[in-house]
PDB file of all heavy atoms in Angstrom:
ATOM      1  N   ALA A   1     -62.656  86.333  54.539  1.00  0.00           N
ATOM      2  CA  ALA A   1     -62.724  84.904  54.355  1.00  0.00           C
ATOM      3  C   ALA A   1     -63.506  84.276  55.494  1.00  0.00           C
ATOM      4  O   ALA A   1     -63.297  84.604  56.656  1.00  0.00           O
ATOM      5  CB  ALA A   1     -61.334  84.305  54.294  1.00  0.00           C
ATOM      6  N   THR A   2     -64.417  83.403  55.161  1.00  0.00           N
ATOM      7  CA  THR A   2     -65.149  82.594  56.131  1.00  0.00           C
ATOM      8  C   THR A   2     -64.790  81.130  55.840  1.00  0.00           C
ATOM      9  O   THR A   2     -64.078  80.851  54.906  1.00  0.00           O
ATOM     10  CB  THR A   2     -66.666  82.788  55.967  1.00  0.00           C
ATOM     11  OG1 THR A   2     -67.099  82.080  54.742  1.00  0.00           O
ATOM     12  CG2 THR A   2     -67.053  84.275  55.878  1.00  0.00           C
ATOM     13  N   PRO A   3     -65.291  80.210  56.644  1.00  0.00           N
ATOM     14  CA  PRO A   3     -65.043  78.816  56.334  1.00  0.00           C
ATOM     15  C   PRO A   3     -65.565  78.389  54.946  1.00  0.00           C
ATOM     16  O   PRO A   3     -65.142  77.382  54.376  1.00  0.00           O
ATOM     17  CB  PRO A   3     -65.794  78.042  57.420  1.00  0.00           C
ATOM     18  CG  PRO A   3     -65.764  79.004  58.602  1.00  0.00           C
ATOM     19  CD  PRO A   3     -65.936  80.374  57.970  1.00  0.00           C
ATOM     20  N   ASP A   4     -66.470  79.236  54.343  1.00  0.00           N
ATOM     21  CA  ASP A   4     -67.022  78.927  53.040  1.00  0.00           C
ATOM     22  C   ASP A   4     -66.134  79.369  51.878  1.00  0.00           C
ATOM     23  O   ASP A   4     -66.024  78.725  50.842  1.00  0.00           O
ATOM     24  CB  ASP A   4     -68.419  79.529  52.876  1.00  0.00           C
ATOM     25  CG  ASP A   4     -69.423  78.900  53.847  1.00  0.00           C
ATOM     26  OD1 ASP A   4     -69.320  77.697  54.082  1.00  0.00           O
ATOM     27  OD2 ASP A   4     -70.269  79.674  54.340  1.00  0.00           O
ATOM     28  N   GLY A   5     -65.535  80.591  52.005  1.00  0.00           N
ATOM     29  CA  GLY A   5     -64.766  81.098  50.888  1.00  0.00           C
ATOM     30  C   GLY A   5     -64.333  82.560  51.052  1.00  0.00           C
ATOM     31  O   GLY A   5     -64.284  83.068  52.197  1.00  0.00           O
ATOM     32  N   LEU A   6     -64.082  83.219  49.916  1.00  0.00           N
ATOM     33  CA  LEU A   6     -63.499  84.566  49.913  1.00  0.00           C
ATOM     34  C   LEU A   6     -64.435  85.559  49.260  1.00  0.00           C
ATOM     35  O   LEU A   6     -65.032  85.318  48.218  1.00  0.00           O
ATOM     36  CB  LEU A   6     -62.155  84.544  49.114  1.00  0.00           C
ATOM     37  CG  LEU A   6     -61.450  85.832  48.930  1.00  0.00           C
ATOM     38  CD1 LEU A   6     -60.824  86.302  50.250  1.00  0.00           C
ATOM     39  CD2 LEU A   6     -60.379  85.747  47.828  1.00  0.00           C
ATOM     40  N   TRP A   7     -64.510  86.772  49.846  1.00  0.00           N
ATOM     41  CA  TRP A   7     -65.258  87.911  49.327  1.00  0.00           C
ATOM     42  C   TRP A   7     -64.311  89.110  49.257  1.00  0.00           C
ATOM     43  O   TRP A   7     -63.345  89.189  50.043  1.00  0.00           O
ATOM     44  CB  TRP A   7     -66.455  88.274  50.197  1.00  0.00           C
ATOM     45  CG  TRP A   7     -67.639  87.380  50.091  1.00  0.00           C
ATOM     46  CD1 TRP A   7     -68.805  87.660  49.415  1.00  0.00           C
ATOM     47  CD2 TRP A   7     -67.844  86.110  50.690  1.00  0.00           C
ATOM     48  NE1 TRP A   7     -69.698  86.622  49.534  1.00  0.00           N
ATOM     49  CE2 TRP A   7     -69.151  85.657  50.328  1.00  0.00           C
ATOM     50  CE3 TRP A   7     -67.074  85.289  51.498  1.00  0.00           C
ATOM     51  CZ2 TRP A   7     -69.653  84.440  50.751  1.00  0.00           C
ATOM     52  CZ3 TRP A   7     -67.573  84.081  51.951  1.00  0.00           C
ATOM     53  CH2 TRP A   7     -68.868  83.651  51.556  1.00  0.00           C
ATOM     54  N   GLY A   8     -64.639  90.077  48.389  1.00  0.00           N
ATOM     55  CA  GLY A   8     -63.848  91.292  48.312  1.00  0.00           C
ATOM     56  C   GLY A   8     -64.739  92.509  48.428  1.00  0.00           C
ATOM     57  O   GLY A   8     -65.903  92.498  48.012  1.00  0.00           O
ATOM     58  N   PHE A   9     -64.176  93.601  49.004  1.00  0.00           N
ATOM     59  CA  PHE A   9     -64.910  94.822  49.208  1.00  0.00           C
ATOM     60  C   PHE A   9     -64.040  96.014  48.840  1.00  0.00           C
ATOM     61  O   PHE A   9     -62.802  96.011  49.002  1.00  0.00           O
ATOM     62  CB  PHE A   9     -65.337  94.969  50.659  1.00  0.00           C
ATOM     63  CG  PHE A   9     -66.314  93.928  51.131  1.00  0.00           C
ATOM     64  CD1 PHE A   9     -65.893  92.682  51.496  1.00  0.00           C
ATOM     65  CD2 PHE A   9     -67.679  94.149  51.022  1.00  0.00           C
ATOM     66  CE1 PHE A   9     -66.789  91.698  51.918  1.00  0.00           C
ATOM     67  CE2 PHE A   9     -68.595  93.168  51.388  1.00  0.00           C
ATOM     68  CZ  PHE A   9     -68.133  91.924  51.855  1.00  0.00           C
ATOM     69  N   ASP A  10     -64.702  97.084  48.404  1.00  0.00           N
ATOM     70  CA  ASP A  10     -64.032  98.323  47.967  1.00  0.00           C
ATOM     71  C   ASP A  10     -63.213  98.897  49.153  1.00  0.00           C
ATOM     72  O   ASP A  10     -63.733  99.128  50.233  1.00  0.00           O
ATOM     73  CB  ASP A  10     -65.080  99.302  47.527  1.00  0.00           C
ATOM     74  CG  ASP A  10     -64.530 100.550  46.841  1.00  0.00           C
ATOM     75  OD1 ASP A  10     -63.358 100.858  47.087  1.00  0.00           O
ATOM     76  OD2 ASP A  10     -65.236 101.139  46.035  1.00  0.00           O
ATOM     77  N   GLY A  11     -61.966  99.202  48.868  1.00  0.00           N
ATOM     78  CA  GLY A  11     -61.062  99.726  49.901  1.00  0.00           C
ATOM     79  C   GLY A  11     -61.376 101.155  50.318  1.00  0.00           C
ATOM     80  O   GLY A  11     -60.840 101.651  51.312  1.00  0.00           O
ATOM     81  N   SER A  12     -62.252 101.860  49.551  1.00  0.00           N
ATOM     82  CA  SER A  12     -62.614 103.205  49.994  1.00  0.00           C
ATOM     83  C   SER A  12     -63.607 103.230  51.133  1.00  0.00           C
ATOM     84  O   SER A  12     -63.859 104.258  51.720  1.00  0.00           O
ATOM     85  CB  SER A  12     -63.180 103.973  48.787  1.00  0.00           C
ATOM     86  OG  SER A  12     -64.415 103.423  48.390  1.00  0.00           O
ATOM     87  N   GLN A  13     -64.180 102.099  51.435  1.00  0.00           N
ATOM     88  CA  GLN A  13     -65.150 102.023  52.558  1.00  0.00           C
ATOM     89  C   GLN A  13     -64.422 102.077  53.900  1.00  0.00           C
ATOM     90  O   GLN A  13     -63.235 101.805  53.969  1.00  0.00           O
ATOM     91  CB  GLN A  13     -65.958 100.716  52.470  1.00  0.00           C
ATOM     92  CG  GLN A  13     -66.822 100.577  51.250  1.00  0.00           C
ATOM     93  CD  GLN A  13     -67.618  99.326  51.268  1.00  0.00           C
ATOM     94  OE1 GLN A  13     -68.709  99.274  51.777  1.00  0.00           O
ATOM     95  NE2 GLN A  13     -67.086  98.267  50.665  1.00  0.00           N
ATOM     96  N   SER A  14     -65.147 102.410  54.920  1.00  0.00           N
ATOM     97  CA  SER A  14     -64.578 102.343  56.253  1.00  0.00           C
ATOM     98  C   SER A  14     -64.629 100.922  56.782  1.00  0.00           C
ATOM     99  O   SER A  14     -65.371 100.078  56.275  1.00  0.00           O
ATOM    100  CB  SER A  14     -65.378 103.236  57.213  1.00  0.00           C
ATOM    101  OG  SER A  14     -66.639 102.672  57.475  1.00  0.00           O
ATOM    102  N   MET A  15     -63.786 100.650  57.772  1.00  0.00           N
ATOM    103  CA  MET A  15     -63.780  99.317  58.319  1.00  0.00           C
ATOM    104  C   MET A  15     -65.148  98.979  58.986  1.00  0.00           C
ATOM    105  O   MET A  15     -65.588  97.815  58.918  1.00  0.00           O
ATOM    106  CB  MET A  15     -62.671  99.203  59.428  1.00  0.00           C
ATOM    107  CG  MET A  15     -62.428  97.783  59.876  1.00  0.00           C
ATOM    108  SD  MET A  15     -61.063  97.671  61.083  1.00  0.00           S
ATOM    109  CE  MET A  15     -59.725  98.292  60.110  1.00  0.00           C
ATOM    110  N   ASP A  16     -65.810  99.952  59.531  1.00  0.00           N
ATOM    111  CA  ASP A  16     -67.153  99.740  60.108  1.00  0.00           C
ATOM    112  C   ASP A  16     -68.132  99.293  59.032  1.00  0.00           C
ATOM    113  O   ASP A  16     -68.971  98.444  59.259  1.00  0.00           O
ATOM    114  CB  ASP A  16     -67.652 100.989  60.811  1.00  0.00           C
ATOM    115  CG  ASP A  16     -66.936 101.254  62.125  1.00  0.00           C
ATOM    116  OD1 ASP A  16     -66.305 100.317  62.682  1.00  0.00           O
ATOM    117  OD2 ASP A  16     -67.024 102.413  62.631  1.00  0.00           O
ATOM    118  N   GLN A  17     -68.056  99.924  57.871  1.00  0.00           N
ATOM    119  CA  GLN A  17     -68.966  99.532  56.764  1.00  0.00           C
ATOM    120  C   GLN A  17     -68.713  98.101  56.325  1.00  0.00           C
ATOM    121  O   GLN A  17     -69.651  97.346  56.087  1.00  0.00           O
ATOM    122  CB  GLN A  17     -68.776 100.510  55.594  1.00  0.00           C
ATOM    123  CG  GLN A  17     -69.296 101.867  55.817  1.00  0.00           C
ATOM    124  CD  GLN A  17     -68.966 102.837  54.690  1.00  0.00           C
ATOM    125  OE1 GLN A  17     -67.816 102.881  54.202  1.00  0.00           O
ATOM    126  NE2 GLN A  17     -69.933 103.575  54.218  1.00  0.00           N
ATOM    127  N   VAL A  18     -67.460  97.721  56.264  1.00  0.00           N
ATOM    128  CA  VAL A  18     -67.152  96.338  55.853  1.00  0.00           C
ATOM    129  C   VAL A  18     -67.610  95.362  56.921  1.00  0.00           C
ATOM    130  O   VAL A  18     -68.166  94.288  56.637  1.00  0.00           O
ATOM    131  CB  VAL A  18     -65.632  96.174  55.571  1.00  0.00           C
ATOM    132  CG1 VAL A  18     -65.320  94.733  55.195  1.00  0.00           C
ATOM    133  CG2 VAL A  18     -65.220  97.093  54.424  1.00  0.00           C
ATOM    134  N   HIS A  19     -67.403  95.712  58.225  1.00  0.00           N
ATOM    135  CA  HIS A  19     -67.869  94.851  59.303  1.00  0.00           C
ATOM    136  C   HIS A  19     -69.374  94.615  59.170  1.00  0.00           C
ATOM    137  O   HIS A  19     -69.850  93.501  59.397  1.00  0.00           O
ATOM    138  CB  HIS A  19     -67.513  95.454  60.642  1.00  0.00           C
ATOM    139  CG  HIS A  19     -66.165  95.150  61.141  1.00  0.00           C
ATOM    140  ND1 HIS A  19     -65.822  93.858  61.525  1.00  0.00           N
ATOM    141  CD2 HIS A  19     -65.056  95.902  61.343  1.00  0.00           C
ATOM    142  CE1 HIS A  19     -64.544  93.837  61.928  1.00  0.00           C
ATOM    143  NE2 HIS A  19     -64.072  95.056  61.833  1.00  0.00           N
ATOM    144  N   ALA A  20     -70.103  95.672  58.820  1.00  0.00           N
ATOM    145  CA  ALA A  20     -71.554  95.535  58.660  1.00  0.00           C
ATOM    146  C   ALA A  20     -71.923  94.591  57.550  1.00  0.00           C
ATOM    147  O   ALA A  20     -72.876  93.835  57.648  1.00  0.00           O
ATOM    148  CB  ALA A  20     -72.184  96.921  58.469  1.00  0.00           C
ATOM    149  N   GLU A  21     -71.125  94.619  56.492  1.00  0.00           N
ATOM    150  CA  GLU A  21     -71.389  93.730  55.346  1.00  0.00           C
ATOM    151  C   GLU A  21     -71.092  92.250  55.684  1.00  0.00           C
ATOM    152  O   GLU A  21     -71.704  91.368  55.122  1.00  0.00           O
ATOM    153  CB  GLU A  21     -70.529  94.135  54.147  1.00  0.00           C
ATOM    154  CG  GLU A  21     -70.873  95.493  53.575  1.00  0.00           C
ATOM    155  CD  GLU A  21     -72.190  95.529  52.874  1.00  0.00           C
ATOM    156  OE1 GLU A  21     -72.719  94.448  52.564  1.00  0.00           O
ATOM    157  OE2 GLU A  21     -72.703  96.615  52.621  1.00  0.00           O
ATOM    158  N   ILE A  22     -70.165  92.018  56.606  1.00  0.00           N
ATOM    159  CA  ILE A  22     -69.797  90.657  56.923  1.00  0.00           C
ATOM    160  C   ILE A  22     -70.963  89.870  57.464  1.00  0.00           C
ATOM    161  O   ILE A  22     -71.103  88.662  57.250  1.00  0.00           O
ATOM    162  CB  ILE A  22     -68.632  90.648  57.946  1.00  0.00           C
ATOM    163  CG1 ILE A  22     -67.345  91.149  57.225  1.00  0.00           C
ATOM    164  CG2 ILE A  22     -68.379  89.248  58.523  1.00  0.00           C
ATOM    165  CD1 ILE A  22     -66.174  91.342  58.178  1.00  0.00           C
ATOM    166  N   GLY A  23     -71.870  90.563  58.160  1.00  0.00           N
ATOM    167  CA  GLY A  23     -73.029  89.867  58.717  1.00  0.00           C
ATOM    168  C   GLY A  23     -74.045  89.430  57.674  1.00  0.00           C
ATOM    169  O   GLY A  23     -75.014  88.717  58.035  1.00  0.00           O
ATOM    170  N   LYS A  24     -73.916  89.853  56.409  1.00  0.00           N
ATOM    171  CA  LYS A  24     -74.913  89.514  55.410  1.00  0.00           C
ATOM    172  C   LYS A  24     -74.236  89.164  54.076  1.00  0.00           C
ATOM    173  O   LYS A  24     -74.682  89.600  52.993  1.00  0.00           O
ATOM    174  CB  LYS A  24     -75.854  90.688  55.205  1.00  0.00           C
ATOM    175  CG  LYS A  24     -75.175  92.037  54.991  1.00  0.00           C
ATOM    176  CD  LYS A  24     -76.187  93.177  54.912  1.00  0.00           C
ATOM    177  CE  LYS A  24     -75.489  94.523  54.726  1.00  0.00           C
ATOM    178  NZ  LYS A  24     -76.467  95.655  54.629  1.00  0.00           N
ATOM    179  N   LEU A  25     -73.177  88.395  54.166  1.00  0.00           N
ATOM    180  CA  LEU A  25     -72.466  87.960  52.933  1.00  0.00           C
ATOM    181  C   LEU A  25     -73.393  87.142  52.050  1.00  0.00           C
ATOM    182  O   LEU A  25     -74.068  86.220  52.496  1.00  0.00           O
ATOM    183  CB  LEU A  25     -71.237  87.134  53.316  1.00  0.00           C
ATOM    184  CG  LEU A  25     -70.108  87.911  54.040  1.00  0.00           C
ATOM    185  CD1 LEU A  25     -69.052  86.912  54.523  1.00  0.00           C
ATOM    186  CD2 LEU A  25     -69.516  88.959  53.153  1.00  0.00           C
ATOM    187  N   ASP A  26     -73.401  87.460  50.746  1.00  0.00           N
ATOM    188  CA  ASP A  26     -74.193  86.779  49.776  1.00  0.00           C
ATOM    189  C   ASP A  26     -73.352  85.682  49.110  1.00  0.00           C
ATOM    190  O   ASP A  26     -72.339  85.977  48.490  1.00  0.00           O
ATOM    191  CB  ASP A  26     -74.689  87.767  48.724  1.00  0.00           C
ATOM    192  CG  ASP A  26     -75.645  87.156  47.741  1.00  0.00           C
ATOM    193  OD1 ASP A  26     -75.810  85.912  47.717  1.00  0.00           O
ATOM    194  OD2 ASP A  26     -76.282  87.936  46.973  1.00  0.00           O
ATOM    195  N   PRO A  27     -73.775  84.430  49.202  1.00  0.00           N
ATOM    196  CA  PRO A  27     -73.011  83.351  48.523  1.00  0.00           C
ATOM    197  C   PRO A  27     -72.840  83.566  47.051  1.00  0.00           C
ATOM    198  O   PRO A  27     -71.878  83.118  46.443  1.00  0.00           O
ATOM    199  CB  PRO A  27     -73.868  82.089  48.799  1.00  0.00           C
ATOM    200  CG  PRO A  27     -74.666  82.433  50.031  1.00  0.00           C
ATOM    201  CD  PRO A  27     -74.940  83.887  49.939  1.00  0.00           C
ATOM    202  N   LYS A  28     -73.770  84.299  46.430  1.00  0.00           N
ATOM    203  CA  LYS A  28     -73.669  84.567  44.991  1.00  0.00           C
ATOM    204  C   LYS A  28     -72.505  85.454  44.630  1.00  0.00           C
ATOM    205  O   LYS A  28     -72.018  85.461  43.489  1.00  0.00           O
ATOM    206  CB  LYS A  28     -74.989  85.163  44.451  1.00  0.00           C
ATOM    207  CG  LYS A  28     -76.159  84.233  44.543  1.00  0.00           C
ATOM    208  CD  LYS A  28     -77.405  84.853  44.020  1.00  0.00           C
ATOM    209  CE  LYS A  28     -78.599  83.954  44.089  1.00  0.00           C
ATOM    210  NZ  LYS A  28     -79.878  84.582  43.577  1.00  0.00           N
ATOM    211  N   THR A  29     -72.046  86.316  45.581  1.00  0.00           N
ATOM    212  CA  THR A  29     -70.976  87.231  45.293  1.00  0.00           C
ATOM    213  C   THR A  29     -69.641  86.698  45.834  1.00  0.00           C
ATOM    214  O   THR A  29     -68.623  87.442  45.810  1.00  0.00           O
ATOM    215  CB  THR A  29     -71.264  88.611  45.883  1.00  0.00           C
ATOM    216  OG1 THR A  29     -71.408  88.505  47.315  1.00  0.00           O
ATOM    217  CG2 THR A  29     -72.518  89.186  45.305  1.00  0.00           C
ATOM    218  N   MET A  30     -69.615  85.492  46.329  1.00  0.00           N
ATOM    219  CA  MET A  30     -68.357  84.866  46.761  1.00  0.00           C
ATOM    220  C   MET A  30     -67.441  84.704  45.538  1.00  0.00           C
ATOM    221  O   MET A  30     -67.873  84.322  44.449  1.00  0.00           O
ATOM    222  CB  MET A  30     -68.630  83.524  47.390  1.00  0.00           C
ATOM    223  CG  MET A  30     -67.393  82.840  47.964  1.00  0.00           C
ATOM    224  SD  MET A  30     -67.805  81.268  48.809  1.00  0.00           S
ATOM    225  CE  MET A  30     -68.299  80.267  47.422  1.00  0.00           C
ATOM    226  N   LEU A  31     -66.180  84.983  45.727  1.00  0.00           N
ATOM    227  CA  LEU A  31     -65.202  84.874  44.620  1.00  0.00           C
ATOM    228  C   LEU A  31     -64.718  83.442  44.387  1.00  0.00           C
ATOM    229  O   LEU A  31     -64.643  83.000  43.244  1.00  0.00           O
ATOM    230  CB  LEU A  31     -64.019  85.805  44.868  1.00  0.00           C
ATOM    231  CG  LEU A  31     -64.342  87.293  44.761  1.00  0.00           C
ATOM    232  CD1 LEU A  31     -63.207  88.099  45.371  1.00  0.00           C
ATOM    233  CD2 LEU A  31     -64.583  87.702  43.308  1.00  0.00           C
ATOM    234  N   ILE A  32     -64.419  82.757  45.457  1.00  0.00           N
ATOM    235  CA  ILE A  32     -63.888  81.405  45.355  1.00  0.00           C
ATOM    236  C   ILE A  32     -64.176  80.672  46.654  1.00  0.00           C
ATOM    237  O   ILE A  32     -64.148  81.258  47.712  1.00  0.00           O
ATOM    238  CB  ILE A  32     -62.378  81.394  45.016  1.00  0.00           C
ATOM    239  CG1 ILE A  32     -61.878  79.991  44.696  1.00  0.00           C
ATOM    240  CG2 ILE A  32     -61.569  82.009  46.146  1.00  0.00           C
ATOM    241  CD1 ILE A  32     -60.459  79.953  44.122  1.00  0.00           C
TER     242      ILE A  32
END
């Protein structure tokens, strides 16, 4: 969650992989 909204990621990924994705969140894939 950022001040803009909520995103979801596959739980099979490592925490490092998800951290890397956080830096490039796509507004189009925001859930709410």
